[in-house]
Amino acid sequence: MPTDPSPSEAAPWRALVAEDLSLLARLHGAELDAETLTALKAAEFPACLTLPPTTREGKEARLLMAQTLAGDDPVFRIPLDDLAADYAAIYLTGRYHASPNESAWLDADGLERQGPMFAVREWYQKYNLGAGDWRRRQDDNLSLQLQFIAHLCRIAADKTGWRAVADFLDSHLLRWLDRFAERVAGRAATPFYAALGMLTADTLHALRAVLVVLADAPLPPPPGEEVRPEEEMPPSFGCGDSVAFVPGTGPTW
């Protein structure tokens, strides 16, 4: 990626990054099936990702994911039923106490559907986007936020557009995603989901590092410890079924 790209140079790169983010959104937003796993393996995921790893955890997550998808070692051959159970434990039932929703991490009382969710919703509204039925999957859900960042990347034609990406990352996902990823990595029953959160966090940190130059946006100071103690986290965070994130439509609350 050029350090000071022209619009014609940046367009292909931003399309590739947006495609990667959309894929990660899909992996966090729906159970895996055999077709998706086959496609991931054919694409040599995660080596196919546009942004290189930036942290030790990111490199380890990529290696673990690659080993899992290769399936050469029996240790990494995980039945679809086990993957579905792990997905439910993370994204549907809250069994691992690792909510995929921002409010649970940033609200002072660790509650869902609080101020952070409405702040994310305001961002969507500025771009005439909506999260569908927020009672089934709330606006600050990880998968929806990844889709939103992908959209911002697709339309970022200048520093102002890239600054919006940086501002959203700094205000939202990068304030809590590392903690989510670490908790899931420590509790997931399958190597696929143990790696996915760390891989996603590393990808967003890599994007944010590029935006230091691309958006002329210096990195913010490390976030404070905003999450409550683990034992106080709510026991359940039901996300419901997958809900489409549709550009050009308003929220349906």
C-alpha atoms as a PDB file:
ATOM      1  CA  MET A   1       0.000   0.000   0.000  1.00  0.00           C
ATOM      2  CA  PRO A   2       1.576   3.358  -1.007  1.00  0.00           C
ATOM      3  CA  THR A   3       2.128   5.774   1.855  1.00  0.00           C
ATOM      4  CA  ASP A   4       0.362   8.575  -0.013  1.00  0.00           C
ATOM      5  CA  PRO A   5      -1.808   6.797  -2.580  1.00  0.00           C
ATOM      6  CA  SER A   6      -3.824   8.401  -5.305  1.00  0.00           C
ATOM      7  CA  PRO A   7      -7.536   7.443  -5.478  1.00  0.00           C
ATOM      8  CA  SER A   8      -6.775   5.017  -8.307  1.00  0.00           C
ATOM      9  CA  GLU A   9      -4.045   3.325  -6.243  1.00  0.00           C
ATOM     10  CA  ALA A  10      -6.130   3.139  -3.076  1.00  0.00           C
ATOM     11  CA  ALA A  11      -9.329   1.802  -4.635  1.00  0.00           C
ATOM     12  CA  PRO A  12      -8.185  -1.813  -5.236  1.00  0.00           C
ATOM     13  CA  TRP A  13      -6.531  -1.994  -1.819  1.00  0.00           C
ATOM     14  CA  ARG A  14      -9.547  -0.671   0.064  1.00  0.00           C
ATOM     15  CA  ALA A  15     -11.797  -3.112  -1.822  1.00  0.00           C
ATOM     16  CA  LEU A  16      -9.602  -6.018  -0.711  1.00  0.00           C
ATOM     17  CA  VAL A  17      -9.581  -4.830   2.907  1.00  0.00           C
ATOM     18  CA  ALA A  18     -13.362  -4.408   2.831  1.00  0.00           C
ATOM     19  CA  GLU A  19     -13.723  -7.934   1.459  1.00  0.00           C
ATOM     20  CA  ASP A  20     -11.561  -9.310   4.280  1.00  0.00           C
ATOM     21  CA  LEU A  21     -13.619  -7.471   6.901  1.00  0.00           C
ATOM     22  CA  SER A  22     -16.855  -8.743   5.379  1.00  0.00           C
ATOM     23  CA  LEU A  23     -15.517 -12.296   5.576  1.00  0.00           C
ATOM     24  CA  LEU A  24     -14.576 -11.857   9.231  1.00  0.00           C
ATOM     25  CA  ALA A  25     -18.035 -10.408   9.871  1.00  0.00           C
ATOM     26  CA  ARG A  26     -19.604 -13.498   8.354  1.00  0.00           C
ATOM     27  CA  LEU A  27     -17.457 -15.830  10.462  1.00  0.00           C
ATOM     28  CA  HIS A  28     -18.478 -13.997  13.652  1.00  0.00           C
ATOM     29  CA  GLY A  29     -22.086 -13.668  12.543  1.00  0.00           C
ATOM     30  CA  ALA A  30     -23.203 -17.166  11.566  1.00  0.00           C
ATOM     31  CA  GLU A  31     -22.453 -20.790  12.315  1.00  0.00           C
ATOM     32  CA  LEU A  32     -19.905 -22.479  10.108  1.00  0.00           C
ATOM     33  CA  ASP A  33     -21.072 -24.969   7.530  1.00  0.00           C
ATOM     34  CA  ALA A  34     -19.212 -27.417   5.318  1.00  0.00           C
ATOM     35  CA  GLU A  35     -19.405 -25.117   2.283  1.00  0.00           C
ATOM     36  CA  THR A  36     -17.831 -22.220   4.155  1.00  0.00           C
ATOM     37  CA  LEU A  37     -15.049 -24.374   5.567  1.00  0.00           C
ATOM     38  CA  THR A  38     -14.286 -25.713   2.096  1.00  0.00           C
ATOM     39  CA  ALA A  39     -14.164 -22.174   0.705  1.00  0.00           C
ATOM     40  CA  LEU A  40     -11.855 -21.007   3.497  1.00  0.00           C
ATOM     41  CA  LYS A  41      -9.481 -23.858   2.824  1.00  0.00           C
ATOM     42  CA  ALA A  42      -9.533 -23.241  -0.938  1.00  0.00           C
ATOM     43  CA  ALA A  43      -8.739 -19.569  -0.373  1.00  0.00           C
ATOM     44  CA  GLU A  44      -5.849 -20.506   1.944  1.00  0.00           C
ATOM     45  CA  PHE A  45      -7.379 -18.496   4.749  1.00  0.00           C
ATOM     46  CA  PRO A  46      -5.969 -16.708   6.673  1.00  0.00           C
ATOM     47  CA  ALA A  47      -2.867 -16.327   4.444  1.00  0.00           C
ATOM     48  CA  CYS A  48      -5.127 -14.685   1.861  1.00  0.00           C
ATOM     49  CA  LEU A  49      -5.851 -11.691   4.122  1.00  0.00           C
ATOM     50  CA  THR A  50      -4.618  -8.384   2.730  1.00  0.00           C
ATOM     51  CA  LEU A  51      -3.193  -6.943   5.937  1.00  0.00           C
ATOM     52  CA  PRO A  52      -0.182  -8.724   7.475  1.00  0.00           C
ATOM     53  CA  PRO A  53      -0.145  -9.688  11.171  1.00  0.00           C
ATOM     54  CA  THR A  54       1.196  -7.028  13.507  1.00  0.00           C
ATOM     55  CA  THR A  55       1.409  -8.787  16.880  1.00  0.00           C
ATOM     56  CA  ARG A  56       2.759 -12.028  18.274  1.00  0.00           C
ATOM     57  CA  GLU A  57      -0.800 -13.038  19.155  1.00  0.00           C
ATOM     58  CA  GLY A  58      -1.888 -12.323  15.619  1.00  0.00           C
ATOM     59  CA  LYS A  59       0.859 -14.476  14.152  1.00  0.00           C
ATOM     60  CA  GLU A  60       0.017 -17.319  16.533  1.00  0.00           C
ATOM     61  CA  ALA A  61      -3.682 -17.017  15.704  1.00  0.00           C
ATOM     62  CA  ARG A  62      -2.960 -17.235  11.990  1.00  0.00           C
ATOM     63  CA  LEU A  63      -0.828 -20.324  12.470  1.00  0.00           C
ATOM     64  CA  LEU A  64      -3.502 -21.996  14.597  1.00  0.00           C
ATOM     65  CA  MET A  65      -6.210 -21.133  12.076  1.00  0.00           C
ATOM     66  CA  ALA A  66      -4.120 -22.445   9.191  1.00  0.00           C
ATOM     67  CA  GLN A  67      -3.470 -25.718  11.034  1.00  0.00           C
ATOM     68  CA  THR A  68      -7.161 -26.038  11.810  1.00  0.00           C
ATOM     69  CA  LEU A  69      -8.296 -25.549   8.239  1.00  0.00           C
ATOM     70  CA  ALA A  70      -5.578 -27.805   6.826  1.00  0.00           C
ATOM     71  CA  GLY A  71      -6.883 -30.647   8.969  1.00  0.00           C
ATOM     72  CA  ASP A  72      -3.661 -32.616   8.569  1.00  0.00           C
ATOM     73  CA  ASP A  73      -3.279 -33.140  12.309  1.00  0.00           C
ATOM     74  CA  PRO A  74      -6.105 -35.091  14.040  1.00  0.00           C
ATOM     75  CA  VAL A  75      -5.908 -32.607  16.914  1.00  0.00           C
ATOM     76  CA  PHE A  76      -7.315 -29.923  14.621  1.00  0.00           C
ATOM     77  CA  ARG A  77     -10.048 -31.972  12.943  1.00  0.00           C
ATOM     78  CA  ILE A  78     -13.179 -30.588  14.546  1.00  0.00           C
ATOM     79  CA  PRO A  79     -16.684 -31.887  13.683  1.00  0.00           C
ATOM     80  CA  LEU A  80     -19.216 -29.311  12.525  1.00  0.00           C
ATOM     81  CA  ASP A  81     -21.393 -30.103  15.532  1.00  0.00           C
ATOM     82  CA  ASP A  82     -18.565 -29.119  17.871  1.00  0.00           C
ATOM     83  CA  LEU A  83     -18.021 -25.892  15.948  1.00  0.00           C
ATOM     84  CA  ALA A  84     -21.738 -25.128  16.160  1.00  0.00           C
ATOM     85  CA  ALA A  85     -21.718 -25.712  19.909  1.00  0.00           C
ATOM     86  CA  ASP A  86     -18.724 -23.416  20.335  1.00  0.00           C
ATOM     87  CA  TYR A  87     -20.345 -20.748  18.187  1.00  0.00           C
ATOM     88  CA  ALA A  88     -23.482 -20.883  20.336  1.00  0.00           C
ATOM     89  CA  ALA A  89     -21.450 -20.650  23.549  1.00  0.00           C
ATOM     90  CA  ILE A  90     -19.725 -17.490  22.336  1.00  0.00           C
ATOM     91  CA  TYR A  91     -22.362 -15.636  20.344  1.00  0.00           C
ATOM     92  CA  LEU A  92     -25.753 -16.905  21.478  1.00  0.00           C
ATOM     93  CA  THR A  93     -25.900 -18.148  25.065  1.00  0.00           C
ATOM     94  CA  GLY A  94     -23.093 -16.243  26.787  1.00  0.00           C
ATOM     95  CA  ARG A  95     -21.723 -19.438  28.265  1.00  0.00           C
ATOM     96  CA  TYR A  96     -18.143 -18.139  28.088  1.00  0.00           C
ATOM     97  CA  HIS A  97     -19.044 -14.730  29.538  1.00  0.00           C
ATOM     98  CA  ALA A  98     -17.489 -13.081  26.468  1.00  0.00           C
ATOM     99  CA  SER A  99     -20.199 -10.949  24.936  1.00  0.00           C
ATOM    100  CA  PRO A 100     -19.829 -10.053  21.242  1.00  0.00           C
ATOM    101  CA  ASN A 101     -21.694  -6.819  22.010  1.00  0.00           C
ATOM    102  CA  GLU A 102     -19.880  -3.607  22.895  1.00  0.00           C
ATOM    103  CA  SER A 103     -22.157  -2.414  25.697  1.00  0.00           C
ATOM    104  CA  ALA A 104     -21.304  -5.394  27.884  1.00  0.00           C
ATOM    105  CA  TRP A 105     -17.669  -4.273  27.852  1.00  0.00           C
ATOM    106  CA  LEU A 106     -17.941  -0.494  27.949  1.00  0.00           C
ATOM    107  CA  ASP A 107     -21.081   0.216  29.972  1.00  0.00           C
ATOM    108  CA  ALA A 108     -20.225   1.098  33.592  1.00  0.00           C
ATOM    109  CA  ASP A 109     -22.560  -1.628  34.842  1.00  0.00           C
ATOM    110  CA  GLY A 110     -21.729  -4.155  32.129  1.00  0.00           C
ATOM    111  CA  LEU A 111     -25.273  -4.043  30.746  1.00  0.00           C
ATOM    112  CA  GLU A 112     -26.416  -4.752  27.206  1.00  0.00           C
ATOM    113  CA  ARG A 113     -28.160  -2.231  24.935  1.00  0.00           C
ATOM    114  CA  GLN A 114     -26.844   0.802  26.779  1.00  0.00           C
ATOM    115  CA  GLY A 115     -25.071   4.004  25.721  1.00  0.00           C
ATOM    116  CA  PRO A 116     -22.367   2.331  23.603  1.00  0.00           C
ATOM    117  CA  MET A 117     -25.022   0.660  21.469  1.00  0.00           C
ATOM    118  CA  PHE A 118     -26.780   3.958  20.799  1.00  0.00           C
ATOM    119  CA  ALA A 119     -23.459   5.615  19.974  1.00  0.00           C
ATOM    120  CA  VAL A 120     -22.796   2.927  17.353  1.00  0.00           C
ATOM    121  CA  ARG A 121     -26.318   3.379  16.022  1.00  0.00           C
ATOM    122  CA  GLU A 122     -25.662   7.082  15.517  1.00  0.00           C
ATOM    123  CA  TRP A 123     -22.698   6.198  13.326  1.00  0.00           C
ATOM    124  CA  TYR A 124     -24.890   3.920  11.202  1.00  0.00           C
ATOM    125  CA  GLN A 125     -27.516   6.598  10.834  1.00  0.00           C
ATOM    126  CA  LYS A 126     -24.963   9.122   9.555  1.00  0.00           C
ATOM    127  CA  TYR A 127     -24.390   6.796   6.593  1.00  0.00           C
ATOM    128  CA  ASN A 128     -28.057   5.876   6.133  1.00  0.00           C
ATOM    129  CA  LEU A 129     -27.442   2.358   7.390  1.00  0.00           C
ATOM    130  CA  GLY A 130     -29.393   0.219   9.789  1.00  0.00           C
ATOM    131  CA  ALA A 131     -28.804  -2.935  11.800  1.00  0.00           C
ATOM    132  CA  GLY A 132     -32.190  -4.489  11.159  1.00  0.00           C
ATOM    133  CA  ASP A 133     -34.072  -5.758  14.210  1.00  0.00           C
ATOM    134  CA  TRP A 134     -31.880  -4.685  17.137  1.00  0.00           C
ATOM    135  CA  ARG A 135     -33.871  -6.950  19.475  1.00  0.00           C
ATOM    136  CA  ARG A 136     -32.439  -9.954  17.636  1.00  0.00           C
ATOM    137  CA  ARG A 137     -28.941  -8.611  17.008  1.00  0.00           C
ATOM    138  CA  GLN A 138     -28.134  -5.293  18.552  1.00  0.00           C
ATOM    139  CA  ASP A 139     -26.348  -2.470  16.777  1.00  0.00           C
ATOM    140  CA  ASP A 140     -23.067  -2.824  18.665  1.00  0.00           C
ATOM    141  CA  ASN A 141     -22.625  -6.501  17.802  1.00  0.00           C
ATOM    142  CA  LEU A 142     -19.133  -7.410  16.596  1.00  0.00           C
ATOM    143  CA  SER A 143     -20.303  -8.818  13.268  1.00  0.00           C
ATOM    144  CA  LEU A 144     -22.350  -5.731  12.427  1.00  0.00           C
ATOM    145  CA  GLN A 145     -19.525  -3.390  13.371  1.00  0.00           C
ATOM    146  CA  LEU A 146     -17.154  -5.296  11.090  1.00  0.00           C
ATOM    147  CA  GLN A 147     -19.647  -4.939   8.255  1.00  0.00           C
ATOM    148  CA  PHE A 148     -19.865  -1.221   8.950  1.00  0.00           C
ATOM    149  CA  ILE A 149     -16.089  -0.788   8.861  1.00  0.00           C
ATOM    150  CA  ALA A 150     -16.034  -2.708   5.575  1.00  0.00           C
ATOM    151  CA  HIS A 151     -18.573  -0.220   4.208  1.00  0.00           C
ATOM    152  CA  LEU A 152     -16.501   2.744   5.384  1.00  0.00           C
ATOM    153  CA  CYS A 153     -13.444   1.283   3.665  1.00  0.00           C
ATOM    154  CA  ARG A 154     -15.325   0.840   0.397  1.00  0.00           C
ATOM    155  CA  ILE A 155     -16.370   4.479   0.291  1.00  0.00           C
ATOM    156  CA  ALA A 156     -13.184   6.043   1.683  1.00  0.00           C
ATOM    157  CA  ALA A 157     -11.966   8.160  -1.231  1.00  0.00           C
ATOM    158  CA  ASP A 158      -9.714  10.591   0.655  1.00  0.00           C
ATOM    159  CA  LYS A 159      -8.217  11.354   4.059  1.00  0.00           C
ATOM    160  CA  THR A 160     -11.591  12.462   5.382  1.00  0.00           C
ATOM    161  CA  GLY A 161     -13.072   9.084   4.545  1.00  0.00           C
ATOM    162  CA  TRP A 162     -10.169   7.207   6.086  1.00  0.00           C
ATOM    163  CA  ARG A 163     -10.332   9.436   9.146  1.00  0.00           C
ATOM    164  CA  ALA A 164     -13.887   8.204   9.699  1.00  0.00           C
ATOM    165  CA  VAL A 165     -12.585   4.624   9.750  1.00  0.00           C
ATOM    166  CA  ALA A 166      -9.914   5.562  12.285  1.00  0.00           C
ATOM    167  CA  ASP A 167     -12.372   7.498  14.450  1.00  0.00           C
ATOM    168  CA  PHE A 168     -14.845   4.617  14.519  1.00  0.00           C
ATOM    169  CA  LEU A 169     -12.166   2.083  15.418  1.00  0.00           C
ATOM    170  CA  ASP A 170     -10.814   4.322  18.184  1.00  0.00           C
ATOM    171  CA  SER A 171     -14.265   5.077  19.595  1.00  0.00           C
ATOM    172  CA  HIS A 172     -15.623   1.556  19.450  1.00  0.00           C
ATOM    173  CA  LEU A 173     -14.124  -1.799  18.478  1.00  0.00           C
ATOM    174  CA  LEU A 174     -10.529  -1.193  19.487  1.00  0.00           C
ATOM    175  CA  ARG A 175     -11.637  -0.211  22.987  1.00  0.00           C
ATOM    176  CA  TRP A 176     -12.813  -3.737  23.814  1.00  0.00           C
ATOM    177  CA  LEU A 177     -12.053  -6.246  21.061  1.00  0.00           C
ATOM    178  CA  ASP A 178      -8.709  -7.357  22.529  1.00  0.00           C
ATOM    179  CA  ARG A 179     -10.391  -8.324  25.794  1.00  0.00           C
ATOM    180  CA  PHE A 180     -13.142 -10.204  23.974  1.00  0.00           C
ATOM    181  CA  ALA A 181     -10.562 -12.045  21.880  1.00  0.00           C
ATOM    182  CA  GLU A 182      -8.410 -12.969  24.857  1.00  0.00           C
ATOM    183  CA  ARG A 183     -11.344 -14.327  26.815  1.00  0.00           C
ATOM    184  CA  VAL A 184     -12.638 -16.380  23.910  1.00  0.00           C
ATOM    185  CA  ALA A 185      -9.148 -17.700  23.182  1.00  0.00           C
ATOM    186  CA  GLY A 186      -8.898 -18.915  26.759  1.00  0.00           C
ATOM    187  CA  ARG A 187     -12.319 -20.568  26.877  1.00  0.00           C
ATOM    188  CA  ALA A 188     -13.245 -21.749  23.402  1.00  0.00           C
ATOM    189  CA  ALA A 189     -13.541 -25.492  22.949  1.00  0.00           C
ATOM    190  CA  THR A 190     -12.341 -25.461  19.333  1.00  0.00           C
ATOM    191  CA  PRO A 191      -9.111 -24.090  17.853  1.00  0.00           C
ATOM    192  CA  PHE A 192     -11.078 -22.336  15.104  1.00  0.00           C
ATOM    193  CA  TYR A 193     -12.885 -20.003  17.499  1.00  0.00           C
ATOM    194  CA  ALA A 194      -9.888 -19.740  19.806  1.00  0.00           C
ATOM    195  CA  ALA A 195      -8.010 -18.247  16.848  1.00  0.00           C
ATOM    196  CA  LEU A 196     -10.786 -16.229  15.189  1.00  0.00           C
ATOM    197  CA  GLY A 197     -11.117 -13.475  17.784  1.00  0.00           C
ATOM    198  CA  MET A 198      -7.362 -12.917  18.061  1.00  0.00           C
ATOM    199  CA  LEU A 199      -7.040 -12.944  14.280  1.00  0.00           C
ATOM    200  CA  THR A 200      -9.814 -10.357  13.953  1.00  0.00           C
ATOM    201  CA  ALA A 201      -8.331  -8.072  16.594  1.00  0.00           C
ATOM    202  CA  ASP A 202      -4.917  -8.237  14.943  1.00  0.00           C
ATOM    203  CA  THR A 203      -6.423  -7.418  11.534  1.00  0.00           C
ATOM    204  CA  LEU A 204      -8.081  -4.297  12.916  1.00  0.00           C
ATOM    205  CA  HIS A 205      -4.878  -3.215  14.655  1.00  0.00           C
ATOM    206  CA  ALA A 206      -3.065  -3.670  11.337  1.00  0.00           C
ATOM    207  CA  LEU A 207      -5.671  -1.514   9.595  1.00  0.00           C
ATOM    208  CA  ARG A 208      -5.416   1.132  12.295  1.00  0.00           C
ATOM    209  CA  ALA A 209      -1.624   1.217  11.912  1.00  0.00           C
ATOM    210  CA  VAL A 210      -1.992   1.932   8.190  1.00  0.00           C
ATOM    211  CA  LEU A 211      -4.449   4.727   8.981  1.00  0.00           C
ATOM    212  CA  VAL A 212      -1.775   6.584  10.943  1.00  0.00           C
ATOM    213  CA  VAL A 213      -0.430   7.617   7.544  1.00  0.00           C
ATOM    214  CA  LEU A 214      -3.433   7.125   5.274  1.00  0.00           C
ATOM    215  CA  ALA A 215      -5.750   9.229   7.447  1.00  0.00           C
ATOM    216  CA  ASP A 216      -3.089  11.309   9.198  1.00  0.00           C
ATOM    217  CA  ALA A 217      -4.542   9.894  12.415  1.00  0.00           C
ATOM    218  CA  PRO A 218      -2.047   9.203  15.242  1.00  0.00           C
ATOM    219  CA  LEU A 219      -2.753   6.219  17.421  1.00  0.00           C
ATOM    220  CA  PRO A 220      -4.716   7.039  20.595  1.00  0.00           C
ATOM    221  CA  PRO A 221      -3.365   6.117  24.045  1.00  0.00           C
ATOM    222  CA  PRO A 222      -4.167   2.571  25.209  1.00  0.00           C
ATOM    223  CA  PRO A 223      -7.749   2.218  26.464  1.00  0.00           C
ATOM    224  CA  GLY A 224      -8.418   2.111  30.192  1.00  0.00           C
ATOM    225  CA  GLU A 225      -9.718  -0.884  32.054  1.00  0.00           C
ATOM    226  CA  GLU A 226     -13.387  -0.302  31.363  1.00  0.00           C
ATOM    227  CA  VAL A 227     -14.710  -3.811  31.653  1.00  0.00           C
ATOM    228  CA  ARG A 228     -16.066  -5.006  35.000  1.00  0.00           C
ATOM    229  CA  PRO A 229     -14.513  -7.963  36.820  1.00  0.00           C
ATOM    230  CA  GLU A 230     -15.160 -11.247  35.101  1.00  0.00           C
ATOM    231  CA  GLU A 231     -17.430 -12.601  37.795  1.00  0.00           C
ATOM    232  CA  GLU A 232     -19.772  -9.671  37.371  1.00  0.00           C
ATOM    233  CA  MET A 233     -20.276 -10.131  33.634  1.00  0.00           C
ATOM    234  CA  PRO A 234     -23.884 -10.930  32.705  1.00  0.00           C
ATOM    235  CA  PRO A 235     -24.465 -14.670  32.238  1.00  0.00           C
ATOM    236  CA  SER A 236     -26.295 -14.434  28.918  1.00  0.00           C
ATOM    237  CA  PHE A 237     -26.125 -12.222  25.848  1.00  0.00           C
ATOM    238  CA  GLY A 238     -28.498 -13.832  23.312  1.00  0.00           C
ATOM    239  CA  CYS A 239     -27.802 -12.456  19.824  1.00  0.00           C
ATOM    240  CA  GLY A 240     -30.520 -14.265  17.939  1.00  0.00           C
ATOM    241  CA  ASP A 241     -30.409 -15.205  14.285  1.00  0.00           C
ATOM    242  CA  SER A 242     -28.314 -13.496  11.670  1.00  0.00           C
ATOM    243  CA  VAL A 243     -29.787 -10.183  10.567  1.00  0.00           C
ATOM    244  CA  ALA A 244     -28.836  -8.503   7.312  1.00  0.00           C
ATOM    245  CA  PHE A 245     -26.965  -5.204   7.455  1.00  0.00           C
ATOM    246  CA  VAL A 246     -28.374  -3.410   4.435  1.00  0.00           C
ATOM    247  CA  PRO A 247     -26.850  -0.226   3.034  1.00  0.00           C
ATOM    248  CA  GLY A 248     -29.400   2.418   2.182  1.00  0.00           C
ATOM    249  CA  THR A 249     -32.006   1.345   4.704  1.00  0.00           C
ATOM    250  CA  GLY A 250     -32.859   2.929   7.987  1.00  0.00           C
ATOM    251  CA  PRO A 251     -32.890   1.178  11.353  1.00  0.00           C
ATOM    252  CA  THR A 252     -36.038  -0.799  12.104  1.00  0.00           C
ATOM    253  CA  TRP A 253     -36.453  -0.126  15.811  1.00  0.00           C
END
